[in-house]
mmCIF file of all heavy atoms, coordinates in Angstrom:
data_MODEL
# 
_entry.id   MODEL 
# 
loop_
_atom_site.group_PDB 
_atom_site.id 
_atom_site.type_symbol 
_atom_site.label_atom_id 
_atom_site.label_alt_id 
_atom_site.label_comp_id 
_atom_site.label_asym_id 
_atom_site.label_entity_id 
_atom_site.label_seq_id 
_atom_site.pdbx_PDB_ins_code 
_atom_site.Cartn_x 
_atom_site.Cartn_y 
_atom_site.Cartn_z 
_atom_site.occupancy 
_atom_site.B_iso_or_equiv 
_atom_site.pdbx_formal_charge 
_atom_site.auth_seq_id 
_atom_site.auth_comp_id 
_atom_site.auth_asym_id 
_atom_site.auth_atom_id 
_atom_site.pdbx_PDB_model_num 
ATOM 1   N N   . PHE A 1 1  ? -9.586  22.220 12.427 1.00 0.00 ? 1  PHE A N   1 
ATOM 2   C CA  . PHE A 1 1  ? -10.471 21.061 12.225 1.00 0.00 ? 1  PHE A CA  1 
ATOM 3   C C   . PHE A 1 1  ? -11.888 21.505 11.888 1.00 0.00 ? 1  PHE A C   1 
ATOM 4   O O   . PHE A 1 1  ? -12.492 21.013 10.936 1.00 0.00 ? 1  PHE A O   1 
ATOM 5   C CB  . PHE A 1 1  ? -10.466 20.198 13.492 1.00 0.00 ? 1  PHE A CB  1 
ATOM 6   C CG  . PHE A 1 1  ? -11.423 19.035 13.439 1.00 0.00 ? 1  PHE A CG  1 
ATOM 7   C CD1 . PHE A 1 1  ? -11.037 17.839 12.864 1.00 0.00 ? 1  PHE A CD1 1 
ATOM 8   C CD2 . PHE A 1 1  ? -12.705 19.138 13.974 1.00 0.00 ? 1  PHE A CD2 1 
ATOM 9   C CE1 . PHE A 1 1  ? -11.914 16.759 12.814 1.00 0.00 ? 1  PHE A CE1 1 
ATOM 10  C CE2 . PHE A 1 1  ? -13.583 18.059 13.928 1.00 0.00 ? 1  PHE A CE2 1 
ATOM 11  C CZ  . PHE A 1 1  ? -13.191 16.870 13.344 1.00 0.00 ? 1  PHE A CZ  1 
ATOM 12  N N   . GLY A 1 2  ? -12.407 22.429 12.662 1.00 0.00 ? 2  GLY A N   1 
ATOM 13  C CA  . GLY A 1 2  ? -13.793 22.845 12.479 1.00 0.00 ? 2  GLY A CA  1 
ATOM 14  C C   . GLY A 1 2  ? -14.042 23.676 11.242 1.00 0.00 ? 2  GLY A C   1 
ATOM 15  O O   . GLY A 1 2  ? -15.192 23.989 10.927 1.00 0.00 ? 2  GLY A O   1 
ATOM 16  N N   . LEU A 1 3  ? -12.993 24.013 10.532 1.00 0.00 ? 3  LEU A N   1 
ATOM 17  C CA  . LEU A 1 3  ? -13.116 24.867 9.350  1.00 0.00 ? 3  LEU A CA  1 
ATOM 18  C C   . LEU A 1 3  ? -13.000 24.086 8.051  1.00 0.00 ? 3  LEU A C   1 
ATOM 19  O O   . LEU A 1 3  ? -13.061 24.683 6.974  1.00 0.00 ? 3  LEU A O   1 
ATOM 20  C CB  . LEU A 1 3  ? -12.028 25.944 9.376  1.00 0.00 ? 3  LEU A CB  1 
ATOM 21  C CG  . LEU A 1 3  ? -12.000 26.853 10.603 1.00 0.00 ? 3  LEU A CG  1 
ATOM 22  C CD1 . LEU A 1 3  ? -10.819 27.805 10.523 1.00 0.00 ? 3  LEU A CD1 1 
ATOM 23  C CD2 . LEU A 1 3  ? -13.309 27.620 10.733 1.00 0.00 ? 3  LEU A CD2 1 
ATOM 24  N N   . ASN A 1 4  ? -12.828 22.782 8.153  1.00 0.00 ? 4  ASN A N   1 
ATOM 25  C CA  . ASN A 1 4  ? -12.511 21.988 6.977  1.00 0.00 ? 4  ASN A CA  1 
ATOM 26  C C   . ASN A 1 4  ? -13.413 20.779 6.792  1.00 0.00 ? 4  ASN A C   1 
ATOM 27  O O   . ASN A 1 4  ? -13.878 20.178 7.763  1.00 0.00 ? 4  ASN A O   1 
ATOM 28  C CB  . ASN A 1 4  ? -11.071 21.491 7.068  1.00 0.00 ? 4  ASN A CB  1 
ATOM 29  C CG  . ASN A 1 4  ? -10.072 22.592 6.811  1.00 0.00 ? 4  ASN A CG  1 
ATOM 30  O OD1 . ASN A 1 4  ? -9.741  22.903 5.672  1.00 0.00 ? 4  ASN A OD1 1 
ATOM 31  N ND2 . ASN A 1 4  ? -9.586  23.201 7.876  1.00 0.00 ? 4  ASN A ND2 1 
ATOM 32  N N   . THR A 1 5  ? -13.622 20.445 5.510  1.00 0.00 ? 5  THR A N   1 
ATOM 33  C CA  . THR A 1 5  ? -14.226 19.157 5.195  1.00 0.00 ? 5  THR A CA  1 
ATOM 34  C C   . THR A 1 5  ? -13.211 18.085 5.537  1.00 0.00 ? 5  THR A C   1 
ATOM 35  O O   . THR A 1 5  ? -12.055 18.157 5.134  1.00 0.00 ? 5  THR A O   1 
ATOM 36  C CB  . THR A 1 5  ? -14.596 19.082 3.712  1.00 0.00 ? 5  THR A CB  1 
ATOM 37  O OG1 . THR A 1 5  ? -15.620 20.041 3.434  1.00 0.00 ? 5  THR A OG1 1 
ATOM 38  C CG2 . THR A 1 5  ? -15.095 17.699 3.337  1.00 0.00 ? 5  THR A CG2 1 
ATOM 39  N N   . MET A 1 6  ? -13.654 17.097 6.287  1.00 0.00 ? 6  MET A N   1 
ATOM 40  C CA  . MET A 1 6  ? -12.778 16.035 6.748  1.00 0.00 ? 6  MET A CA  1 
ATOM 41  C C   . MET A 1 6  ? -13.174 14.720 6.104  1.00 0.00 ? 6  MET A C   1 
ATOM 42  O O   . MET A 1 6  ? -14.293 14.551 5.622  1.00 0.00 ? 6  MET A O   1 
ATOM 43  C CB  . MET A 1 6  ? -12.850 15.926 8.264  1.00 0.00 ? 6  MET A CB  1 
ATOM 44  C CG  . MET A 1 6  ? -12.338 17.142 9.003  1.00 0.00 ? 6  MET A CG  1 
ATOM 45  S SD  . MET A 1 6  ? -10.577 17.418 8.778  1.00 0.00 ? 6  MET A SD  1 
ATOM 46  C CE  . MET A 1 6  ? -9.906  15.921 9.571  1.00 0.00 ? 6  MET A CE  1 
ATOM 47  N N   . ALA A 1 7  ? -12.249 13.778 6.133  1.00 0.00 ? 7  ALA A N   1 
ATOM 48  C CA  . ALA A 1 7  ? -12.524 12.494 5.502  1.00 0.00 ? 7  ALA A CA  1 
ATOM 49  C C   . ALA A 1 7  ? -11.755 11.377 6.182  1.00 0.00 ? 7  ALA A C   1 
ATOM 50  O O   . ALA A 1 7  ? -10.745 11.602 6.849  1.00 0.00 ? 7  ALA A O   1 
ATOM 51  C CB  . ALA A 1 7  ? -12.151 12.535 4.027  1.00 0.00 ? 7  ALA A CB  1 
ATOM 52  N N   . TRP A 1 8  ? -12.274 10.191 6.005  1.00 0.00 ? 8  TRP A N   1 
ATOM 53  C CA  . TRP A 1 8  ? -11.557 8.969  6.341  1.00 0.00 ? 8  TRP A CA  1 
ATOM 54  C C   . TRP A 1 8  ? -11.037 8.367  5.035  1.00 0.00 ? 8  TRP A C   1 
ATOM 55  O O   . TRP A 1 8  ? -11.756 8.316  4.029  1.00 0.00 ? 8  TRP A O   1 
ATOM 56  C CB  . TRP A 1 8  ? -12.471 7.976  7.035  1.00 0.00 ? 8  TRP A CB  1 
ATOM 57  C CG  . TRP A 1 8  ? -12.740 8.312  8.461  1.00 0.00 ? 8  TRP A CG  1 
ATOM 58  C CD1 . TRP A 1 8  ? -13.815 8.973  8.983  1.00 0.00 ? 8  TRP A CD1 1 
ATOM 59  C CD2 . TRP A 1 8  ? -11.888 8.006  9.576  1.00 0.00 ? 8  TRP A CD2 1 
ATOM 60  N NE1 . TRP A 1 8  ? -13.691 9.102  10.333 1.00 0.00 ? 8  TRP A NE1 1 
ATOM 61  C CE2 . TRP A 1 8  ? -12.517 8.513  10.723 1.00 0.00 ? 8  TRP A CE2 1 
ATOM 62  C CE3 . TRP A 1 8  ? -10.668 7.346  9.711  1.00 0.00 ? 8  TRP A CE3 1 
ATOM 63  C CZ2 . TRP A 1 8  ? -11.971 8.386  12.002 1.00 0.00 ? 8  TRP A CZ2 1 
ATOM 64  C CZ3 . TRP A 1 8  ? -10.126 7.221  10.968 1.00 0.00 ? 8  TRP A CZ3 1 
ATOM 65  C CH2 . TRP A 1 8  ? -10.761 7.733  12.105 1.00 0.00 ? 8  TRP A CH2 1 
ATOM 66  N N   . TYR A 1 9  ? -9.800  7.893  5.090  1.00 0.00 ? 9  TYR A N   1 
ATOM 67  C CA  . TYR A 1 9  ? -9.162  7.210  3.987  1.00 0.00 ? 9  TYR A CA  1 
ATOM 68  C C   . TYR A 1 9  ? -8.726  5.834  4.471  1.00 0.00 ? 9  TYR A C   1 
ATOM 69  O O   . TYR A 1 9  ? -8.584  5.616  5.672  1.00 0.00 ? 9  TYR A O   1 
ATOM 70  C CB  . TYR A 1 9  ? -7.927  7.981  3.521  1.00 0.00 ? 9  TYR A CB  1 
ATOM 71  C CG  . TYR A 1 9  ? -8.190  9.392  3.052  1.00 0.00 ? 9  TYR A CG  1 
ATOM 72  C CD1 . TYR A 1 9  ? -8.335  10.425 3.975  1.00 0.00 ? 9  TYR A CD1 1 
ATOM 73  C CD2 . TYR A 1 9  ? -8.284  9.697  1.705  1.00 0.00 ? 9  TYR A CD2 1 
ATOM 74  C CE1 . TYR A 1 9  ? -8.577  11.731 3.556  1.00 0.00 ? 9  TYR A CE1 1 
ATOM 75  C CE2 . TYR A 1 9  ? -8.522  10.996 1.278  1.00 0.00 ? 9  TYR A CE2 1 
ATOM 76  C CZ  . TYR A 1 9  ? -8.663  12.006 2.204  1.00 0.00 ? 9  TYR A CZ  1 
ATOM 77  O OH  . TYR A 1 9  ? -8.894  13.298 1.785  1.00 0.00 ? 9  TYR A OH  1 
ATOM 78  N N   . ARG A 1 10 ? -8.461  4.953  3.542  1.00 0.00 ? 10 ARG A N   1 
ATOM 79  C CA  . ARG A 1 10 ? -7.896  3.665  3.926  1.00 0.00 ? 10 ARG A CA  1 
ATOM 80  C C   . ARG A 1 10 ? -6.904  3.206  2.878  1.00 0.00 ? 10 ARG A C   1 
ATOM 81  O O   . ARG A 1 10 ? -7.026  3.541  1.701  1.00 0.00 ? 10 ARG A O   1 
ATOM 82  C CB  . ARG A 1 10 ? -8.983  2.624  4.159  1.00 0.00 ? 10 ARG A CB  1 
ATOM 83  C CG  . ARG A 1 10 ? -9.746  2.171  2.920  1.00 0.00 ? 10 ARG A CG  1 
ATOM 84  C CD  . ARG A 1 10 ? -10.869 1.233  3.327  1.00 0.00 ? 10 ARG A CD  1 
ATOM 85  N NE  . ARG A 1 10 ? -11.641 0.747  2.188  1.00 0.00 ? 10 ARG A NE  1 
ATOM 86  C CZ  . ARG A 1 10 ? -12.749 0.028  2.294  1.00 0.00 ? 10 ARG A CZ  1 
ATOM 87  N NH1 . ARG A 1 10 ? -13.235 -0.288 3.495  1.00 0.00 ? 10 ARG A NH1 1 
ATOM 88  N NH2 . ARG A 1 10 ? -13.385 -0.371 1.210  1.00 0.00 ? 10 ARG A NH2 1 
ATOM 89  N N   . GLN A 1 11 ? -5.946  2.434  3.359  1.00 0.00 ? 11 GLN A N   1 
ATOM 90  C CA  . GLN A 1 11 ? -4.923  1.894  2.477  1.00 0.00 ? 11 GLN A CA  1 
ATOM 91  C C   . GLN A 1 11 ? -4.726  0.425  2.797  1.00 0.00 ? 11 GLN A C   1 
ATOM 92  O O   . GLN A 1 11 ? -4.279  0.082  3.902  1.00 0.00 ? 11 GLN A O   1 
ATOM 93  C CB  . GLN A 1 11 ? -3.610  2.670  2.622  1.00 0.00 ? 11 GLN A CB  1 
ATOM 94  C CG  . GLN A 1 11 ? -2.551  2.260  1.618  1.00 0.00 ? 11 GLN A CG  1 
ATOM 95  C CD  . GLN A 1 11 ? -1.374  3.209  1.599  1.00 0.00 ? 11 GLN A CD  1 
ATOM 96  O OE1 . GLN A 1 11 ? -1.145  3.976  2.529  1.00 0.00 ? 11 GLN A OE1 1 
ATOM 97  N NE2 . GLN A 1 11 ? -0.624  3.184  0.505  1.00 0.00 ? 11 GLN A NE2 1 
ATOM 98  N N   . ALA A 1 12 ? -5.074  -0.404 1.837  1.00 0.00 ? 12 ALA A N   1 
ATOM 99  C CA  . ALA A 1 12 ? -4.866  -1.844 1.983  1.00 0.00 ? 12 ALA A CA  1 
ATOM 100 C C   . ALA A 1 12 ? -3.452  -2.183 1.536  1.00 0.00 ? 12 ALA A C   1 
ATOM 101 O O   . ALA A 1 12 ? -2.836  -1.429 0.774  1.00 0.00 ? 12 ALA A O   1 
ATOM 102 C CB  . ALA A 1 12 ? -5.892  -2.597 1.143  1.00 0.00 ? 12 ALA A CB  1 
ATOM 103 N N   . PRO A 1 13 ? -2.921  -3.306 1.983  1.00 0.00 ? 13 PRO A N   1 
ATOM 104 C CA  . PRO A 1 13 ? -1.553  -3.687 1.607  1.00 0.00 ? 13 PRO A CA  1 
ATOM 105 C C   . PRO A 1 13 ? -1.374  -3.716 0.099  1.00 0.00 ? 13 PRO A C   1 
ATOM 106 O O   . PRO A 1 13 ? -2.169  -4.328 -0.625 1.00 0.00 ? 13 PRO A O   1 
ATOM 107 C CB  . PRO A 1 13 ? -1.409  -5.082 2.219  1.00 0.00 ? 13 PRO A CB  1 
ATOM 108 C CG  . PRO A 1 13 ? -2.357  -5.095 3.356  1.00 0.00 ? 13 PRO A CG  1 
ATOM 109 C CD  . PRO A 1 13 ? -3.527  -4.272 2.916  1.00 0.00 ? 13 PRO A CD  1 
ATOM 110 N N   . GLY A 1 14 ? -0.331  -3.046 -0.371 1.00 0.00 ? 14 GLY A N   1 
ATOM 111 C CA  . GLY A 1 14 ? -0.026  -3.043 -1.786 1.00 0.00 ? 14 GLY A CA  1 
ATOM 112 C C   . GLY A 1 14 ? -0.924  -2.186 -2.644 1.00 0.00 ? 14 GLY A C   1 
ATOM 113 O O   . GLY A 1 14 ? -0.826  -2.218 -3.872 1.00 0.00 ? 14 GLY A O   1 
ATOM 114 N N   . LYS A 1 15 ? -1.807  -1.416 -2.019 1.00 0.00 ? 15 LYS A N   1 
ATOM 115 C CA  . LYS A 1 15 ? -2.748  -0.589 -2.790 1.00 0.00 ? 15 LYS A CA  1 
ATOM 116 C C   . LYS A 1 15 ? -2.614  0.878  -2.407 1.00 0.00 ? 15 LYS A C   1 
ATOM 117 O O   . LYS A 1 15 ? -2.030  1.237  -1.391 1.00 0.00 ? 15 LYS A O   1 
ATOM 118 C CB  . LYS A 1 15 ? -4.178  -1.074 -2.557 1.00 0.00 ? 15 LYS A CB  1 
ATOM 119 C CG  . LYS A 1 15 ? -4.416  -2.496 -3.044 1.00 0.00 ? 15 LYS A CG  1 
ATOM 120 C CD  . LYS A 1 15 ? -5.871  -2.860 -3.000 1.00 0.00 ? 15 LYS A CD  1 
ATOM 121 C CE  . LYS A 1 15 ? -6.102  -4.253 -3.566 1.00 0.00 ? 15 LYS A CE  1 
ATOM 122 N NZ  . LYS A 1 15 ? -7.541  -4.619 -3.534 1.00 0.00 ? 15 LYS A NZ  1 
ATOM 123 N N   . GLU A 1 16 ? -3.192  1.723  -3.251 1.00 0.00 ? 16 GLU A N   1 
ATOM 124 C CA  . GLU A 1 16 ? -3.162  3.153  -2.981 1.00 0.00 ? 16 GLU A CA  1 
ATOM 125 C C   . GLU A 1 16 ? -4.160  3.527  -1.887 1.00 0.00 ? 16 GLU A C   1 
ATOM 126 O O   . GLU A 1 16 ? -5.156  2.836  -1.673 1.00 0.00 ? 16 GLU A O   1 
ATOM 127 C CB  . GLU A 1 16 ? -3.499  3.932  -4.261 1.00 0.00 ? 16 GLU A CB  1 
ATOM 128 C CG  . GLU A 1 16 ? -2.463  3.804  -5.357 1.00 0.00 ? 16 GLU A CG  1 
ATOM 129 C CD  . GLU A 1 16 ? -2.789  4.680  -6.554 1.00 0.00 ? 16 GLU A CD  1 
ATOM 130 O OE1 . GLU A 1 16 ? -3.903  5.239  -6.606 1.00 0.00 ? 16 GLU A OE1 1 
ATOM 131 O OE2 . GLU A 1 16 ? -1.935  4.805  -7.435 1.00 0.00 ? 16 GLU A OE2 1 
ATOM 132 N N   . ARG A 1 17 ? -3.870  4.625  -1.239 1.00 0.00 ? 17 ARG A N   1 
ATOM 133 C CA  . ARG A 1 17 ? -4.790  5.154  -0.244 1.00 0.00 ? 17 ARG A CA  1 
ATOM 134 C C   . ARG A 1 17 ? -6.027  5.696  -0.963 1.00 0.00 ? 17 ARG A C   1 
ATOM 135 O O   . ARG A 1 17 ? -5.907  6.409  -1.961 1.00 0.00 ? 17 ARG A O   1 
ATOM 136 C CB  . ARG A 1 17 ? -4.109  6.264  0.548  1.00 0.00 ? 17 ARG A CB  1 
ATOM 137 C CG  . ARG A 1 17 ? -4.883  6.773  1.739  1.00 0.00 ? 17 ARG A CG  1 
ATOM 138 C CD  . ARG A 1 17 ? -4.017  7.757  2.516  1.00 0.00 ? 17 ARG A CD  1 
ATOM 139 N NE  . ARG A 1 17 ? -2.903  7.097  3.151  1.00 0.00 ? 17 ARG A NE  1 
ATOM 140 C CZ  . ARG A 1 17 ? -1.777  7.718  3.505  1.00 0.00 ? 17 ARG A CZ  1 
ATOM 141 N NH1 . ARG A 1 17 ? -1.625  8.990  3.248  1.00 0.00 ? 17 ARG A NH1 1 
ATOM 142 N NH2 . ARG A 1 17 ? -0.812  7.051  4.089  1.00 0.00 ? 17 ARG A NH2 1 
ATOM 143 N N   . LYS A 1 18 ? -7.210  5.362  -0.441 1.00 0.00 ? 18 LYS A N   1 
ATOM 144 C CA  . LYS A 1 18 ? -8.450  5.785  -1.068 1.00 0.00 ? 18 LYS A CA  1 
ATOM 145 C C   . LYS A 1 18 ? -9.381  6.437  -0.064 1.00 0.00 ? 18 LYS A C   1 
ATOM 146 O O   . LYS A 1 18 ? -9.390  6.081  1.113  1.00 0.00 ? 18 LYS A O   1 
ATOM 147 C CB  . LYS A 1 18 ? -9.154  4.580  -1.699 1.00 0.00 ? 18 LYS A CB  1 
ATOM 148 C CG  . LYS A 1 18 ? -8.404  3.985  -2.887 1.00 0.00 ? 18 LYS A CG  1 
ATOM 149 C CD  . LYS A 1 18 ? -9.218  2.880  -3.525 1.00 0.00 ? 18 LYS A CD  1 
ATOM 150 C CE  . LYS A 1 18 ? -8.508  2.319  -4.751 1.00 0.00 ? 18 LYS A CE  1 
ATOM 151 N NZ  . LYS A 1 18 ? -9.294  1.236  -5.404 1.00 0.00 ? 18 LYS A NZ  1 
ATOM 152 N N   . LEU A 1 19 ? -10.171 7.362  -0.566 1.00 0.00 ? 19 LEU A N   1 
ATOM 153 C CA  . LEU A 1 19 ? -11.142 8.025  0.303  1.00 0.00 ? 19 LEU A CA  1 
ATOM 154 C C   . LEU A 1 19 ? -12.313 7.085  0.573  1.00 0.00 ? 19 LEU A C   1 
ATOM 155 O O   . LEU A 1 19 ? -12.852 6.459  -0.350 1.00 0.00 ? 19 LEU A O   1 
ATOM 156 C CB  . LEU A 1 19 ? -11.631 9.313  -0.354 1.00 0.00 ? 19 LEU A CB  1 
ATOM 157 C CG  . LEU A 1 19 ? -12.497 10.231 0.505  1.00 0.00 ? 19 LEU A CG  1 
ATOM 158 C CD1 . LEU A 1 19 ? -12.220 11.691 0.167  1.00 0.00 ? 19 LEU A CD1 1 
ATOM 159 C CD2 . LEU A 1 19 ? -13.971 9.931  0.327  1.00 0.00 ? 19 LEU A CD2 1 
ATOM 160 N N   . VAL A 1 20 ? -12.704 6.997  1.819  1.00 0.00 ? 20 VAL A N   1 
ATOM 161 C CA  . VAL A 1 20 ? -13.801 6.122  2.231  1.00 0.00 ? 20 VAL A CA  1 
ATOM 162 C C   . VAL A 1 20 ? -15.081 6.922  2.446  1.00 0.00 ? 20 VAL A C   1 
ATOM 163 O O   . VAL A 1 20 ? -16.157 6.538  2.008  1.00 0.00 ? 20 VAL A O   1 
ATOM 164 C CB  . VAL A 1 20 ? -13.440 5.377  3.528  1.00 0.00 ? 20 VAL A CB  1 
ATOM 165 C CG1 . VAL A 1 20 ? -14.620 4.572  4.048  1.00 0.00 ? 20 VAL A CG1 1 
ATOM 166 C CG2 . VAL A 1 20 ? -12.228 4.474  3.303  1.00 0.00 ? 20 VAL A CG2 1 
ATOM 167 N N   . ALA A 1 21 ? -14.937 8.046  3.147  1.00 0.00 ? 21 ALA A N   1 
ATOM 168 C CA  . ALA A 1 21 ? -16.100 8.871  3.458  1.00 0.00 ? 21 ALA A CA  1 
ATOM 169 C C   . ALA A 1 21 ? -15.630 10.268 3.808  1.00 0.00 ? 21 ALA A C   1 
ATOM 170 O O   . ALA A 1 21 ? -14.542 10.435 4.351  1.00 0.00 ? 21 ALA A O   1 
ATOM 171 C CB  . ALA A 1 21 ? -16.896 8.275  4.618  1.00 0.00 ? 21 ALA A CB  1 
ATOM 172 N N   . SER A 1 22 ? -16.457 11.248 3.502  1.00 0.00 ? 22 SER A N   1 
ATOM 173 C CA  . SER A 1 22 ? -16.124 12.629 3.845  1.00 0.00 ? 22 SER A CA  1 
ATOM 174 C C   . SER A 1 22 ? -17.327 13.309 4.473  1.00 0.00 ? 22 SER A C   1 
ATOM 175 O O   . SER A 1 22 ? -18.472 12.889 4.278  1.00 0.00 ? 22 SER A O   1 
ATOM 176 C CB  . SER A 1 22 ? -15.664 13.402 2.611  1.00 0.00 ? 22 SER A CB  1 
ATOM 177 O OG  . SER A 1 22 ? -16.713 13.522 1.676  1.00 0.00 ? 22 SER A OG  1 
ATOM 178 N N   . ILE A 1 23 ? -17.034 14.381 5.216  1.00 0.00 ? 23 ILE A N   1 
ATOM 179 C CA  . ILE A 1 23 ? -18.093 15.130 5.885  1.00 0.00 ? 23 ILE A CA  1 
ATOM 180 C C   . ILE A 1 23 ? -17.727 16.608 5.876  1.00 0.00 ? 23 ILE A C   1 
ATOM 181 O O   . ILE A 1 23 ? -16.615 16.989 6.252  1.00 0.00 ? 23 ILE A O   1 
ATOM 182 C CB  . ILE A 1 23 ? -18.319 14.592 7.319  1.00 0.00 ? 23 ILE A CB  1 
ATOM 183 C CG1 . ILE A 1 23 ? -19.484 15.321 7.994  1.00 0.00 ? 23 ILE A CG1 1 
ATOM 184 C CG2 . ILE A 1 23 ? -17.058 14.641 8.160  1.00 0.00 ? 23 ILE A CG2 1 
ATOM 185 C CD1 . ILE A 1 23 ? -19.967 14.630 9.262  1.00 0.00 ? 23 ILE A CD1 1 
ATOM 186 N N   . THR A 1 24 ? -18.658 17.431 5.450  1.00 0.00 ? 24 THR A N   1 
ATOM 187 C CA  . THR A 1 24 ? -18.409 18.865 5.406  1.00 0.00 ? 24 THR A CA  1 
ATOM 188 C C   . THR A 1 24 ? -18.637 19.495 6.776  1.00 0.00 ? 24 THR A C   1 
ATOM 189 O O   . THR A 1 24 ? -19.078 18.834 7.722  1.00 0.00 ? 24 THR A O   1 
ATOM 190 C CB  . THR A 1 24 ? -19.332 19.543 4.389  1.00 0.00 ? 24 THR A CB  1 
ATOM 191 O OG1 . THR A 1 24 ? -20.691 19.475 4.878  1.00 0.00 ? 24 THR A OG1 1 
ATOM 192 C CG2 . THR A 1 24 ? -19.251 18.887 3.022  1.00 0.00 ? 24 THR A CG2 1 
ATOM 193 N N   . ILE A 1 25 ? -18.344 20.777 6.857  1.00 0.00 ? 25 ILE A N   1 
ATOM 194 C CA  . ILE A 1 25 ? -18.598 21.516 8.089  1.00 0.00 ? 25 ILE A CA  1 
ATOM 195 C C   . ILE A 1 25 ? -20.080 21.433 8.441  1.00 0.00 ? 25 ILE A C   1 
ATOM 196 O O   . ILE A 1 25 ? -20.459 21.309 9.608  1.00 0.00 ? 25 ILE A O   1 
ATOM 197 C CB  . ILE A 1 25 ? -18.167 22.978 7.932  1.00 0.00 ? 25 ILE A CB  1 
ATOM 198 C CG1 . ILE A 1 25 ? -16.682 23.069 7.588  1.00 0.00 ? 25 ILE A CG1 1 
ATOM 199 C CG2 . ILE A 1 25 ? -18.450 23.772 9.204  1.00 0.00 ? 25 ILE A CG2 1 
ATOM 200 C CD1 . ILE A 1 25 ? -16.241 24.439 7.136  1.00 0.00 ? 25 ILE A CD1 1 
ATOM 201 N N   . GLY A 1 26 ? -20.912 21.481 7.418  1.00 0.00 ? 26 GLY A N   1 
ATOM 202 C CA  . GLY A 1 26 ? -22.356 21.398 7.619  1.00 0.00 ? 26 GLY A CA  1 
ATOM 203 C C   . GLY A 1 26 ? -22.878 19.980 7.705  1.00 0.00 ? 26 GLY A C   1 
ATOM 204 O O   . GLY A 1 26 ? -24.083 19.750 7.681  1.00 0.00 ? 26 GLY A O   1 
ATOM 205 N N   . ARG A 1 27 ? -21.954 19.006 7.812  1.00 0.00 ? 27 ARG A N   1 
ATOM 206 C CA  . ARG A 1 27 ? -22.289 17.596 8.015  1.00 0.00 ? 27 ARG A CA  1 
ATOM 207 C C   . ARG A 1 27 ? -22.957 16.947 6.806  1.00 0.00 ? 27 ARG A C   1 
ATOM 208 O O   . ARG A 1 27 ? -23.743 16.001 6.964  1.00 0.00 ? 27 ARG A O   1 
ATOM 209 C CB  . ARG A 1 27 ? -23.098 17.400 9.292  1.00 0.00 ? 27 ARG A CB  1 
ATOM 210 C CG  . ARG A 1 27 ? -22.256 17.723 10.533 1.00 0.00 ? 27 ARG A CG  1 
ATOM 211 C CD  . ARG A 1 27 ? -23.055 17.619 11.810 1.00 0.00 ? 27 ARG A CD  1 
ATOM 212 N NE  . ARG A 1 27 ? -22.210 17.774 12.985 1.00 0.00 ? 27 ARG A NE  1 
ATOM 213 C CZ  . ARG A 1 27 ? -21.774 18.937 13.444 1.00 0.00 ? 27 ARG A CZ  1 
ATOM 214 N NH1 . ARG A 1 27 ? -22.110 20.055 12.830 1.00 0.00 ? 27 ARG A NH1 1 
ATOM 215 N NH2 . ARG A 1 27 ? -20.997 18.986 14.515 1.00 0.00 ? 27 ARG A NH2 1 
ATOM 216 N N   . ILE A 1 28 ? -22.645 17.439 5.628  1.00 0.00 ? 28 ILE A N   1 
ATOM 217 C CA  . ILE A 1 28 ? -23.035 16.726 4.412  1.00 0.00 ? 28 ILE A CA  1 
ATOM 218 C C   . ILE A 1 28 ? -22.015 15.624 4.191  1.00 0.00 ? 28 ILE A C   1 
ATOM 219 O O   . ILE A 1 28 ? -20.812 15.871 4.247  1.00 0.00 ? 28 ILE A O   1 
ATOM 220 C CB  . ILE A 1 28 ? -23.087 17.671 3.205  1.00 0.00 ? 28 ILE A CB  1 
ATOM 221 C CG1 . ILE A 1 28 ? -24.177 18.719 3.413  1.00 0.00 ? 28 ILE A CG1 1 
ATOM 222 C CG2 . ILE A 1 28 ? -23.328 16.887 1.910  1.00 0.00 ? 28 ILE A CG2 1 
ATOM 223 C CD1 . ILE A 1 28 ? -24.189 19.810 2.374  1.00 0.00 ? 28 ILE A CD1 1 
# 
């Protein structure tokens, strides 16, 4: 976990999963 850029994704009914927000190790 601490070595990777992480993100939140969301998927609405009938739609593709999309990236909502991401954060790097350095918190960018």
